[in-house]
Full PDB file with SEQRES, HELIX, SHEET, SSBOND, CRYST1, ORIGX, SCALE, CONECT and MASTER records, all heavy atoms in Angstrom:
SEQRES   1 A   40  ARG ARG PRO VAL PHE ARG THR PHE ILE LEU VAL MET ALA          
SEQRES   2 A   40  ARG GLY ALA GLY LYS ASN GLY PHE ILE SER THR LEU ALA          
SEQRES   3 A   40  HIS PHE PHE ILE SER SER PHE HIS GLY ILE ASP GLU TYR          
SEQRES   4 A   40  ASP                                                          
HELIX    1 AA1 LYS A   18  ILE A   30  1                                  13    
CRYST1    1.000    1.000    1.000  90.00  90.00  90.00 P 1           1          
ORIGX1      1.000000  0.000000  0.000000        0.00000                         
ORIGX2      0.000000  1.000000  0.000000        0.00000                         
ORIGX3      0.000000  0.000000  1.000000        0.00000                         
SCALE1      1.000000  0.000000  0.000000        0.00000                         
SCALE2      0.000000  1.000000  0.000000        0.00000                         
SCALE3      0.000000  0.000000  1.000000        0.00000                         
ATOM      1  N   ARG A   1       0.505  64.964 -20.645  1.00  0.00           N  
ATOM      2  CA  ARG A   1       0.329  63.711 -21.397  1.00  0.00           C  
ATOM      3  C   ARG A   1       0.784  62.495 -20.593  1.00  0.00           C  
ATOM      4  O   ARG A   1       1.404  61.571 -21.102  1.00  0.00           O  
ATOM      5  CB  ARG A   1       1.066  63.768 -22.744  1.00  0.00           C  
ATOM      6  CG  ARG A   1       0.651  62.597 -23.646  1.00  0.00           C  
ATOM      7  CD  ARG A   1       1.029  62.763 -25.074  1.00  0.00           C  
ATOM      8  NE  ARG A   1       0.917  61.552 -25.839  1.00  0.00           N  
ATOM      9  CZ  ARG A   1      -0.207  60.927 -26.164  1.00  0.00           C  
ATOM     10  NH1 ARG A   1      -1.355  61.385 -25.746  1.00  0.00           N  
ATOM     11  NH2 ARG A   1      -0.200  59.827 -26.881  1.00  0.00           N  
ATOM     12  N   ARG A   2       0.460  62.511 -19.331  1.00  0.00           N  
ATOM     13  CA  ARG A   2       0.723  61.390 -18.458  1.00  0.00           C  
ATOM     14  C   ARG A   2      -0.564  60.607 -18.257  1.00  0.00           C  
ATOM     15  O   ARG A   2      -1.647  61.191 -18.268  1.00  0.00           O  
ATOM     16  CB  ARG A   2       1.238  61.867 -17.110  1.00  0.00           C  
ATOM     17  CG  ARG A   2       2.637  62.466 -17.220  1.00  0.00           C  
ATOM     18  CD  ARG A   2       3.121  62.997 -15.925  1.00  0.00           C  
ATOM     19  NE  ARG A   2       2.993  62.010 -14.868  1.00  0.00           N  
ATOM     20  CZ  ARG A   2       3.489  62.164 -13.670  1.00  0.00           C  
ATOM     21  NH1 ARG A   2       4.132  63.257 -13.355  1.00  0.00           N  
ATOM     22  NH2 ARG A   2       3.331  61.238 -12.761  1.00  0.00           N  
ATOM     23  N   PRO A   3      -0.465  59.296 -18.062  1.00  0.00           N  
ATOM     24  CA  PRO A   3      -1.677  58.503 -17.833  1.00  0.00           C  
ATOM     25  C   PRO A   3      -2.416  58.989 -16.584  1.00  0.00           C  
ATOM     26  O   PRO A   3      -1.787  59.306 -15.575  1.00  0.00           O  
ATOM     27  CB  PRO A   3      -1.153  57.084 -17.623  1.00  0.00           C  
ATOM     28  CG  PRO A   3       0.210  57.065 -18.217  1.00  0.00           C  
ATOM     29  CD  PRO A   3       0.751  58.472 -18.086  1.00  0.00           C  
ATOM     30  N   VAL A   4      -3.714  59.048 -16.680  1.00  0.00           N  
ATOM     31  CA  VAL A   4      -4.530  59.432 -15.527  1.00  0.00           C  
ATOM     32  C   VAL A   4      -4.481  58.302 -14.483  1.00  0.00           C  
ATOM     33  O   VAL A   4      -4.328  58.557 -13.303  1.00  0.00           O  
ATOM     34  CB  VAL A   4      -5.978  59.727 -15.938  1.00  0.00           C  
ATOM     35  CG1 VAL A   4      -6.879  59.951 -14.732  1.00  0.00           C  
ATOM     36  CG2 VAL A   4      -6.028  60.942 -16.873  1.00  0.00           C  
ATOM     37  N   PHE A   5      -4.572  57.063 -14.952  1.00  0.00           N  
ATOM     38  CA  PHE A   5      -4.520  55.900 -14.062  1.00  0.00           C  
ATOM     39  C   PHE A   5      -3.231  55.133 -14.307  1.00  0.00           C  
ATOM     40  O   PHE A   5      -2.942  54.747 -15.432  1.00  0.00           O  
ATOM     41  CB  PHE A   5      -5.721  54.982 -14.315  1.00  0.00           C  
ATOM     42  CG  PHE A   5      -7.035  55.658 -14.093  1.00  0.00           C  
ATOM     43  CD1 PHE A   5      -7.839  55.970 -15.175  1.00  0.00           C  
ATOM     44  CD2 PHE A   5      -7.465  55.982 -12.818  1.00  0.00           C  
ATOM     45  CE1 PHE A   5      -9.058  56.605 -14.992  1.00  0.00           C  
ATOM     46  CE2 PHE A   5      -8.678  56.634 -12.626  1.00  0.00           C  
ATOM     47  CZ  PHE A   5      -9.488  56.928 -13.708  1.00  0.00           C  
ATOM     48  N   ARG A   6      -2.473  54.920 -13.262  1.00  0.00           N  
ATOM     49  CA  ARG A   6      -1.214  54.176 -13.390  1.00  0.00           C  
ATOM     50  C   ARG A   6      -1.335  52.761 -12.827  1.00  0.00           C  
ATOM     51  O   ARG A   6      -0.433  51.951 -13.004  1.00  0.00           O  
ATOM     52  CB  ARG A   6      -0.103  54.932 -12.687  1.00  0.00           C  
ATOM     53  CG  ARG A   6       0.179  56.234 -13.382  1.00  0.00           C  
ATOM     54  CD  ARG A   6       1.421  56.903 -12.857  1.00  0.00           C  
ATOM     55  NE  ARG A   6       1.419  58.266 -13.318  1.00  0.00           N  
ATOM     56  CZ  ARG A   6       1.487  59.324 -12.540  1.00  0.00           C  
ATOM     57  NH1 ARG A   6       1.608  59.187 -11.257  1.00  0.00           N  
ATOM     58  NH2 ARG A   6       1.449  60.524 -13.068  1.00  0.00           N  
ATOM     59  N   THR A   7      -2.434  52.489 -12.135  1.00  0.00           N  
ATOM     60  CA  THR A   7      -2.647  51.183 -11.543  1.00  0.00           C  
ATOM     61  C   THR A   7      -4.052  50.713 -11.879  1.00  0.00           C  
ATOM     62  O   THR A   7      -5.001  51.486 -11.772  1.00  0.00           O  
ATOM     63  CB  THR A   7      -2.491  51.258 -10.010  1.00  0.00           C  
ATOM     64  OG1 THR A   7      -1.198  51.765  -9.683  1.00  0.00           O  
ATOM     65  CG2 THR A   7      -2.695  49.897  -9.368  1.00  0.00           C  
ATOM     66  N   PHE A   8      -4.148  49.464 -12.279  1.00  0.00           N  
ATOM     67  CA  PHE A   8      -5.437  48.835 -12.536  1.00  0.00           C  
ATOM     68  C   PHE A   8      -5.494  47.547 -11.745  1.00  0.00           C  
ATOM     69  O   PHE A   8      -4.547  46.749 -11.804  1.00  0.00           O  
ATOM     70  CB  PHE A   8      -5.604  48.504 -14.030  1.00  0.00           C  
ATOM     71  CG  PHE A   8      -5.801  49.707 -14.881  1.00  0.00           C  
ATOM     72  CD1 PHE A   8      -4.726  50.481 -15.296  1.00  0.00           C  
ATOM     73  CD2 PHE A   8      -7.071  50.103 -15.271  1.00  0.00           C  
ATOM     74  CE1 PHE A   8      -4.891  51.611 -16.076  1.00  0.00           C  
ATOM     75  CE2 PHE A   8      -7.270  51.229 -16.063  1.00  0.00           C  
ATOM     76  CZ  PHE A   8      -6.177  51.986 -16.456  1.00  0.00           C  
ATOM     77  N   ILE A   9      -6.577  47.329 -11.036  1.00  0.00           N  
ATOM     78  CA  ILE A   9      -6.759  46.106 -10.294  1.00  0.00           C  
ATOM     79  C   ILE A   9      -8.013  45.440 -10.830  1.00  0.00           C  
ATOM     80  O   ILE A   9      -9.097  46.022 -10.791  1.00  0.00           O  
ATOM     81  CB  ILE A   9      -6.885  46.366  -8.783  1.00  0.00           C  
ATOM     82  CG1 ILE A   9      -5.613  47.039  -8.258  1.00  0.00           C  
ATOM     83  CG2 ILE A   9      -7.196  45.067  -8.028  1.00  0.00           C  
ATOM     84  CD1 ILE A   9      -5.675  47.484  -6.837  1.00  0.00           C  
ATOM     85  N   LEU A  10      -7.852  44.235 -11.356  1.00  0.00           N  
ATOM     86  CA  LEU A  10      -8.964  43.492 -11.903  1.00  0.00           C  
ATOM     87  C   LEU A  10      -9.296  42.346 -10.950  1.00  0.00           C  
ATOM     88  O   LEU A  10      -8.491  41.433 -10.779  1.00  0.00           O  
ATOM     89  CB  LEU A  10      -8.638  42.933 -13.283  1.00  0.00           C  
ATOM     90  CG  LEU A  10      -8.221  43.957 -14.344  1.00  0.00           C  
ATOM     91  CD1 LEU A  10      -7.799  43.264 -15.620  1.00  0.00           C  
ATOM     92  CD2 LEU A  10      -9.360  44.931 -14.617  1.00  0.00           C  
ATOM     93  N   VAL A  11     -10.446  42.440 -10.314  1.00  0.00           N  
ATOM     94  CA  VAL A  11     -10.882  41.398  -9.399  1.00  0.00           C  
ATOM     95  C   VAL A  11     -12.024  40.662 -10.084  1.00  0.00           C  
ATOM     96  O   VAL A  11     -13.122  41.191 -10.204  1.00  0.00           O  
ATOM     97  CB  VAL A  11     -11.335  41.985  -8.048  1.00  0.00           C  
ATOM     98  CG1 VAL A  11     -11.780  40.899  -7.096  1.00  0.00           C  
ATOM     99  CG2 VAL A  11     -10.221  42.818  -7.425  1.00  0.00           C  
ATOM    100  N   MET A  12     -11.707  39.463 -10.556  1.00  0.00           N  
ATOM    101  CA  MET A  12     -12.677  38.670 -11.288  1.00  0.00           C  
ATOM    102  C   MET A  12     -12.434  37.195 -10.992  1.00  0.00           C  
ATOM    103  O   MET A  12     -11.345  36.820 -10.563  1.00  0.00           O  
ATOM    104  CB  MET A  12     -12.533  38.915 -12.801  1.00  0.00           C  
ATOM    105  CG  MET A  12     -12.682  40.369 -13.190  1.00  0.00           C  
ATOM    106  SD  MET A  12     -12.192  40.672 -14.882  1.00  0.00           S  
ATOM    107  CE  MET A  12     -13.614  40.001 -15.714  1.00  0.00           C  
ATOM    108  N   ALA A  13     -13.424  36.382 -11.283  1.00  0.00           N  
ATOM    109  CA  ALA A  13     -13.317  34.939 -11.057  1.00  0.00           C  
ATOM    110  C   ALA A  13     -12.274  34.325 -11.984  1.00  0.00           C  
ATOM    111  O   ALA A  13     -11.916  34.908 -13.014  1.00  0.00           O  
ATOM    112  CB  ALA A  13     -14.677  34.282 -11.281  1.00  0.00           C  
ATOM    113  N   ARG A  14     -11.820  33.148 -11.600  1.00  0.00           N  
ATOM    114  CA  ARG A  14     -10.915  32.379 -12.465  1.00  0.00           C  
ATOM    115  C   ARG A  14     -11.590  32.152 -13.809  1.00  0.00           C  
ATOM    116  O   ARG A  14     -12.783  31.911 -13.891  1.00  0.00           O  
ATOM    117  CB  ARG A  14     -10.625  31.014 -11.843  1.00  0.00           C  
ATOM    118  CG  ARG A  14      -9.660  31.050 -10.709  1.00  0.00           C  
ATOM    119  CD  ARG A  14      -9.394  29.646 -10.246  1.00  0.00           C  
ATOM    120  NE  ARG A  14      -8.697  28.948 -11.336  1.00  0.00           N  
ATOM    121  CZ  ARG A  14      -7.673  28.141 -11.167  1.00  0.00           C  
ATOM    122  NH1 ARG A  14      -7.243  27.914  -9.950  1.00  0.00           N  
ATOM    123  NH2 ARG A  14      -7.104  27.582 -12.192  1.00  0.00           N  
ATOM    124  N   GLY A  15     -10.796  32.245 -14.867  1.00  0.00           N  
ATOM    125  CA  GLY A  15     -11.313  31.961 -16.188  1.00  0.00           C  
ATOM    126  C   GLY A  15     -12.043  33.117 -16.849  1.00  0.00           C  
ATOM    127  O   GLY A  15     -12.610  32.955 -17.926  1.00  0.00           O  
ATOM    128  N   ALA A  16     -12.058  34.279 -16.228  1.00  0.00           N  
ATOM    129  CA  ALA A  16     -12.796  35.440 -16.768  1.00  0.00           C  
ATOM    130  C   ALA A  16     -11.997  36.167 -17.838  1.00  0.00           C  
ATOM    131  O   ALA A  16     -12.545  37.025 -18.531  1.00  0.00           O  
ATOM    132  CB  ALA A  16     -13.174  36.407 -15.646  1.00  0.00           C  
ATOM    133  N   GLY A  17     -10.701  35.882 -17.968  1.00  0.00           N  
ATOM    134  CA  GLY A  17      -9.908  36.477 -19.026  1.00  0.00           C  
ATOM    135  C   GLY A  17      -8.890  37.512 -18.586  1.00  0.00           C  
ATOM    136  O   GLY A  17      -8.356  38.243 -19.420  1.00  0.00           O  
ATOM    137  N   LYS A  18      -8.583  37.555 -17.306  1.00  0.00           N  
ATOM    138  CA  LYS A  18      -7.614  38.550 -16.821  1.00  0.00           C  
ATOM    139  C   LYS A  18      -6.245  38.361 -17.453  1.00  0.00           C  
ATOM    140  O   LYS A  18      -5.648  39.325 -17.934  1.00  0.00           O  
ATOM    141  CB  LYS A  18      -7.493  38.489 -15.293  1.00  0.00           C  
ATOM    142  CG  LYS A  18      -8.755  38.822 -14.545  1.00  0.00           C  
ATOM    143  CD  LYS A  18      -8.584  38.670 -13.036  1.00  0.00           C  
ATOM    144  CE  LYS A  18      -8.244  37.284 -12.580  1.00  0.00           C  
ATOM    145  NZ  LYS A  18      -9.285  36.283 -12.715  1.00  0.00           N  
ATOM    146  N   ASN A  19      -5.743  37.111 -17.455  1.00  0.00           N  
ATOM    147  CA  ASN A  19      -4.410  36.857 -18.037  1.00  0.00           C  
ATOM    148  C   ASN A  19      -4.370  37.192 -19.513  1.00  0.00           C  
ATOM    149  O   ASN A  19      -3.402  37.785 -19.997  1.00  0.00           O  
ATOM    150  CB  ASN A  19      -3.991  35.390 -17.841  1.00  0.00           C  
ATOM    151  CG  ASN A  19      -3.122  35.211 -16.626  1.00  0.00           C  
ATOM    152  OD1 ASN A  19      -3.608  34.755 -15.620  1.00  0.00           O  
ATOM    153  ND2 ASN A  19      -1.871  35.581 -16.717  1.00  0.00           N  
ATOM    154  N   GLY A  20      -5.389  36.804 -20.249  1.00  0.00           N  
ATOM    155  CA  GLY A  20      -5.421  37.119 -21.678  1.00  0.00           C  
ATOM    156  C   GLY A  20      -5.394  38.606 -21.932  1.00  0.00           C  
ATOM    157  O   GLY A  20      -4.692  39.104 -22.820  1.00  0.00           O  
ATOM    158  N   PHE A  21      -6.152  39.345 -21.129  1.00  0.00           N  
ATOM    159  CA  PHE A  21      -6.196  40.812 -21.250  1.00  0.00           C  
ATOM    160  C   PHE A  21      -4.822  41.411 -20.974  1.00  0.00           C  
ATOM    161  O   PHE A  21      -4.320  42.247 -21.718  1.00  0.00           O  
ATOM    162  CB  PHE A  21      -7.253  41.362 -20.289  1.00  0.00           C  
ATOM    163  CG  PHE A  21      -7.486  42.845 -20.386  1.00  0.00           C  
ATOM    164  CD1 PHE A  21      -7.731  43.471 -21.606  1.00  0.00           C  
ATOM    165  CD2 PHE A  21      -7.511  43.613 -19.238  1.00  0.00           C  
ATOM    166  CE1 PHE A  21      -7.969  44.843 -21.679  1.00  0.00           C  
ATOM    167  CE2 PHE A  21      -7.758  44.983 -19.296  1.00  0.00           C  
ATOM    168  CZ  PHE A  21      -7.981  45.601 -20.528  1.00  0.00           C  
ATOM    169  N   ILE A  22      -4.191  40.942 -19.896  1.00  0.00           N  
ATOM    170  CA  ILE A  22      -2.856  41.438 -19.543  1.00  0.00           C  
ATOM    171  C   ILE A  22      -1.851  41.083 -20.636  1.00  0.00           C  
ATOM    172  O   ILE A  22      -0.992  41.898 -20.981  1.00  0.00           O  
ATOM    173  CB  ILE A  22      -2.410  40.833 -18.186  1.00  0.00           C  
ATOM    174  CG1 ILE A  22      -3.301  41.319 -17.055  1.00  0.00           C  
ATOM    175  CG2 ILE A  22      -0.953  41.147 -17.912  1.00  0.00           C  
ATOM    176  CD1 ILE A  22      -3.448  42.816 -16.927  1.00  0.00           C  
ATOM    177  N   SER A  23      -1.964  39.879 -21.196  1.00  0.00           N  
ATOM    178  CA  SER A  23      -1.047  39.478 -22.276  1.00  0.00           C  
ATOM    179  C   SER A  23      -1.159  40.408 -23.475  1.00  0.00           C  
ATOM    180  O   SER A  23      -0.129  40.837 -24.021  1.00  0.00           O  
ATOM    181  CB  SER A  23      -1.341  38.044 -22.718  1.00  0.00           C  
ATOM    182  OG  SER A  23      -1.126  37.134 -21.670  1.00  0.00           O  
ATOM    183  N   THR A  24      -2.392  40.723 -23.879  1.00  0.00           N  
ATOM    184  CA  THR A  24      -2.554  41.606 -25.045  1.00  0.00           C  
ATOM    185  C   THR A  24      -2.018  43.002 -24.766  1.00  0.00           C  
ATOM    186  O   THR A  24      -1.371  43.597 -25.628  1.00  0.00           O  
ATOM    187  CB  THR A  24      -4.027  41.680 -25.509  1.00  0.00           C  
ATOM    188  OG1 THR A  24      -4.828  42.270 -24.476  1.00  0.00           O  
ATOM    189  CG2 THR A  24      -4.572  40.302 -25.877  1.00  0.00           C  
ATOM    190  N   LEU A  25      -2.275  43.509 -23.591  1.00  0.00           N  
ATOM    191  CA  LEU A  25      -1.760  44.847 -23.238  1.00  0.00           C  
ATOM    192  C   LEU A  25      -0.236  44.861 -23.180  1.00  0.00           C  
ATOM    193  O   LEU A  25       0.407  45.742 -23.756  1.00  0.00           O  
ATOM    194  CB  LEU A  25      -2.311  45.318 -21.883  1.00  0.00           C  
ATOM    195  CG  LEU A  25      -3.735  45.885 -21.899  1.00  0.00           C  
ATOM    196  CD1 LEU A  25      -4.257  46.023 -20.475  1.00  0.00           C  
ATOM    197  CD2 LEU A  25      -3.778  47.220 -22.607  1.00  0.00           C  
ATOM    198  N   ALA A  26       0.344  43.871 -22.499  1.00  0.00           N  
ATOM    199  CA  ALA A  26       1.812  43.814 -22.383  1.00  0.00           C  
ATOM    200  C   ALA A  26       2.461  43.716 -23.765  1.00  0.00           C  
ATOM    201  O   ALA A  26       3.413  44.435 -24.044  1.00  0.00           O  
ATOM    202  CB  ALA A  26       2.220  42.627 -21.516  1.00  0.00           C  
ATOM    203  N   HIS A  27       1.916  42.855 -24.614  1.00  0.00           N  
ATOM    204  CA  HIS A  27       2.501  42.701 -25.948  1.00  0.00           C  
ATOM    205  C   HIS A  27       2.338  43.984 -26.760  1.00  0.00           C  
ATOM    206  O   HIS A  27       3.281  44.405 -27.447  1.00  0.00           O  
ATOM    207  CB  HIS A  27       1.832  41.530 -26.665  1.00  0.00           C  
ATOM    208  CG  HIS A  27       2.531  41.144 -27.924  1.00  0.00           C  
ATOM    209  ND1 HIS A  27       2.157  40.066 -28.664  1.00  0.00           N  
ATOM    210  CD2 HIS A  27       3.577  41.692 -28.605  1.00  0.00           C  
ATOM    211  CE1 HIS A  27       2.935  39.965 -29.732  1.00  0.00           C  
ATOM    212  NE2 HIS A  27       3.805  40.949 -29.710  1.00  0.00           N  
ATOM    213  N   PHE A  28       1.182  44.607 -26.668  1.00  0.00           N  
ATOM    214  CA  PHE A  28       0.987  45.867 -27.406  1.00  0.00           C  
ATOM    215  C   PHE A  28       1.998  46.919 -26.946  1.00  0.00           C  
ATOM    216  O   PHE A  28       2.591  47.619 -27.768  1.00  0.00           O  
ATOM    217  CB  PHE A  28      -0.433  46.396 -27.201  1.00  0.00           C  
ATOM    218  CG  PHE A  28      -0.682  47.701 -27.901  1.00  0.00           C  
ATOM    219  CD1 PHE A  28      -0.888  47.743 -29.276  1.00  0.00           C  
ATOM    220  CD2 PHE A  28      -0.663  48.907 -27.215  1.00  0.00           C  
ATOM    221  CE1 PHE A  28      -1.098  48.932 -29.937  1.00  0.00           C  
ATOM    222  CE2 PHE A  28      -0.863  50.101 -27.858  1.00  0.00           C  
ATOM    223  CZ  PHE A  28      -1.084  50.128 -29.225  1.00  0.00           C  
ATOM    224  N   PHE A  29       2.214  47.027 -25.640  1.00  0.00           N  
ATOM    225  CA  PHE A  29       3.140  48.035 -25.124  1.00  0.00           C  
ATOM    226  C   PHE A  29       4.571  47.848 -25.596  1.00  0.00           C  
ATOM    227  O   PHE A  29       5.308  48.815 -25.750  1.00  0.00           O  
ATOM    228  CB  PHE A  29       3.110  48.083 -23.595  1.00  0.00           C  
ATOM    229  CG  PHE A  29       1.886  48.770 -23.052  1.00  0.00           C  
ATOM    230  CD1 PHE A  29       1.179  48.202 -22.012  1.00  0.00           C  
ATOM    231  CD2 PHE A  29       1.444  49.967 -23.547  1.00  0.00           C  
ATOM    232  CE1 PHE A  29       0.064  48.820 -21.499  1.00  0.00           C  
ATOM    233  CE2 PHE A  29       0.333  50.601 -23.042  1.00  0.00           C  
ATOM    234  CZ  PHE A  29      -0.372  50.024 -22.005  1.00  0.00           C  
ATOM    235  N   ILE A  30       4.991  46.606 -25.816  1.00  0.00           N  
ATOM    236  CA  ILE A  30       6.373  46.376 -26.279  1.00  0.00           C  
ATOM    237  C   ILE A  30       6.464  46.312 -27.801  1.00  0.00           C  
ATOM    238  O   ILE A  30       7.556  46.158 -28.330  1.00  0.00           O  
ATOM    239  CB  ILE A  30       6.998  45.111 -25.641  1.00  0.00           C  
ATOM    240  CG1 ILE A  30       6.250  43.855 -26.046  1.00  0.00           C  
ATOM    241  CG2 ILE A  30       7.072  45.271 -24.113  1.00  0.00           C  
ATOM    242  CD1 ILE A  30       6.933  42.558 -25.631  1.00  0.00           C  
ATOM    243  N   SER A  31       5.336  46.436 -28.479  1.00  0.00           N  
ATOM    244  CA  SER A  31       5.336  46.359 -29.936  1.00  0.00           C  
ATOM    245  C   SER A  31       5.614  47.729 -30.564  1.00  0.00           C  
ATOM    246  O   SER A  31       5.508  48.752 -29.904  1.00  0.00           O  
ATOM    247  CB  SER A  31       3.977  45.853 -30.447  1.00  0.00           C  
ATOM    248  OG  SER A  31       2.988  46.870 -30.362  1.00  0.00           O  
ATOM    249  N   SER A  32       5.928  47.701 -31.835  1.00  0.00           N  
ATOM    250  CA  SER A  32       6.146  48.957 -32.567  1.00  0.00           C  
ATOM    251  C   SER A  32       4.855  49.747 -32.725  1.00  0.00           C  
ATOM    252  O   SER A  32       4.892  50.966 -32.952  1.00  0.00           O  
ATOM    253  CB  SER A  32       6.761  48.668 -33.938  1.00  0.00           C  
ATOM    254  OG  SER A  32       5.880  47.859 -34.692  1.00  0.00           O  
ATOM    255  N   PHE A  33       3.694  49.101 -32.587  1.00  0.00           N  
ATOM    256  CA  PHE A  33       2.415  49.792 -32.716  1.00  0.00           C  
ATOM    257  C   PHE A  33       2.222  50.822 -31.597  1.00  0.00           C  
ATOM    258  O   PHE A  33       1.550  51.823 -31.781  1.00  0.00           O  
ATOM    259  CB  PHE A  33       1.263  48.799 -32.679  1.00  0.00           C  
ATOM    260  CG  PHE A  33       1.286  47.841 -33.821  1.00  0.00           C  
ATOM    261  CD1 PHE A  33       1.771  46.556 -33.631  1.00  0.00           C  
ATOM    262  CD2 PHE A  33       0.854  48.198 -35.082  1.00  0.00           C  
ATOM    263  CE1 PHE A  33       1.801  45.642 -34.679  1.00  0.00           C  
ATOM    264  CE2 PHE A  33       0.891  47.301 -36.142  1.00  0.00           C  
ATOM    265  CZ  PHE A  33       1.367  46.025 -35.946  1.00  0.00           C  
ATOM    266  N   HIS A  34       2.840  50.562 -30.432  1.00  0.00           N  
ATOM    267  CA  HIS A  34       2.711  51.489 -29.316  1.00  0.00           C  
ATOM    268  C   HIS A  34       3.553  52.740 -29.528  1.00  0.00           C  
ATOM    269  O   HIS A  34       3.196  53.807 -29.102  1.00  0.00           O  
ATOM    270  CB  HIS A  34       3.131  50.773 -28.027  1.00  0.00           C  
ATOM    271  CG  HIS A  34       2.924  51.599 -26.794  1.00  0.00           C  
ATOM    272  ND1 HIS A  34       3.903  51.720 -25.848  1.00  0.00           N  
ATOM    273  CD2 HIS A  34       1.886  52.326 -26.348  1.00  0.00           C  
ATOM    274  CE1 HIS A  34       3.455  52.497 -24.867  1.00  0.00           C  
ATOM    275  NE2 HIS A  34       2.251  52.873 -25.151  1.00  0.00           N  
ATOM    276  N   GLY A  35       4.679  52.558 -30.209  1.00  0.00           N  
ATOM    277  CA  GLY A  35       5.480  53.715 -30.594  1.00  0.00           C  
ATOM    278  C   GLY A  35       6.511  54.176 -29.576  1.00  0.00           C  
ATOM    279  O   GLY A  35       7.093  55.246 -29.750  1.00  0.00           O  
ATOM    280  N   ILE A  36       6.738  53.437 -28.521  1.00  0.00           N  
ATOM    281  CA  ILE A  36       7.751  53.799 -27.550  1.00  0.00           C  
ATOM    282  C   ILE A  36       8.787  52.680 -27.513  1.00  0.00           C  
ATOM    283  O   ILE A  36       8.491  51.552 -27.093  1.00  0.00           O  
ATOM    284  CB  ILE A  36       7.174  54.039 -26.143  1.00  0.00           C  
ATOM    285  CG1 ILE A  36       6.133  55.178 -26.185  1.00  0.00           C  
ATOM    286  CG2 ILE A  36       8.265  54.324 -25.133  1.00  0.00           C  
ATOM    287  CD1 ILE A  36       5.406  55.404 -24.879  1.00  0.00           C  
ATOM    288  N   ASP A  37       9.994  52.983 -28.002  1.00  0.00           N  
ATOM    289  CA  ASP A  37      11.056  51.971 -28.058  1.00  0.00           C  
ATOM    290  C   ASP A  37      11.435  51.493 -26.652  1.00  0.00           C  
ATOM    291  O   ASP A  37      11.485  52.289 -25.710  1.00  0.00           O  
ATOM    292  CB  ASP A  37      12.296  52.540 -28.743  1.00  0.00           C  
ATOM    293  CG  ASP A  37      12.090  52.792 -30.220  1.00  0.00           C  
ATOM    294  OD1 ASP A  37      11.176  52.175 -30.795  1.00  0.00           O  
ATOM    295  OD2 ASP A  37      12.827  53.611 -30.793  1.00  0.00           O  
ATOM    296  N   GLU A  38      11.696  50.218 -26.554  1.00  0.00           N  
ATOM    297  CA  GLU A  38      12.177  49.589 -25.324  1.00  0.00           C  
ATOM    298  C   GLU A  38      11.270  49.869 -24.109  1.00  0.00           C  
ATOM    299  O   GLU A  38      11.744  50.069 -22.991  1.00  0.00           O  
ATOM    300  CB  GLU A  38      13.620  50.003 -25.052  1.00  0.00           C  
ATOM    301  CG  GLU A  38      14.559  49.557 -26.149  1.00  0.00           C  
ATOM    302  CD  GLU A  38      15.997  49.940 -25.903  1.00  0.00           C  
ATOM    303  OE1 GLU A  38      16.382  50.137 -24.730  1.00  0.00           O  
ATOM    304  OE2 GLU A  38      16.742  50.037 -26.899  1.00  0.00           O  
ATOM    305  N   TYR A  39       9.986  49.865 -24.353  1.00  0.00           N  
ATOM    306  CA  TYR A  39       9.017  50.072 -23.276  1.00  0.00           C  
ATOM    307  C   TYR A  39       9.172  48.949 -22.242  1.00  0.00           C  
ATOM    308  O   TYR A  39       9.338  47.781 -22.613  1.00  0.00           O  
ATOM    309  CB  TYR A  39       7.601  50.072 -23.843  1.00  0.00           C  
ATOM    310  CG  TYR A  39       6.574  50.673 -22.917  1.00  0.00           C  
ATOM    311  CD1 TYR A  39       6.384  52.039 -22.854  1.00  0.00           C  
ATOM    312  CD2 TYR A  39       5.777  49.852 -22.122  1.00  0.00           C  
ATOM    313  CE1 TYR A  39       5.424  52.590 -22.017  1.00  0.00           C  
ATOM    314  CE2 TYR A  39       4.824  50.396 -21.270  1.00  0.00           C  
ATOM    315  CZ  TYR A  39       4.660  51.757 -21.224  1.00  0.00           C  
ATOM    316  OH  TYR A  39       3.717  52.315 -20.390  1.00  0.00           O  
ATOM    317  N   ASP A  40       9.166  49.272 -20.990  1.00  0.00           N  
ATOM    318  CA  ASP A  40       9.388  48.293 -19.920  1.00  0.00           C  
ATOM    319  C   ASP A  40       8.064  47.793 -19.390  1.00  0.00           C  
ATOM    320  O   ASP A  40       7.205  48.606 -19.004  1.00  0.00           O  
ATOM    321  CB  ASP A  40      10.190  48.962 -18.806  1.00  0.00           C  
ATOM    322  CG  ASP A  40      10.638  47.982 -17.745  1.00  0.00           C  
ATOM    323  OD1 ASP A  40      10.797  46.784 -18.062  1.00  0.00           O  
ATOM    324  OD2 ASP A  40      10.824  48.395 -16.595  1.00  0.00           O  
TER     325      ASP A  40                                                      
MASTER        0    0    0    1    0    0    0    6  324    1    0    4          
END                                                                             
């Protein structure tokens, strides 16, 4: 039950939404919805 991919590299133009995508993932990982307390 380990992630298959531990690294993701998004190569896209400015304004394509990379930061927004990262923000949603980061917030989800530290939220109670993810289910892992004190996720780093």
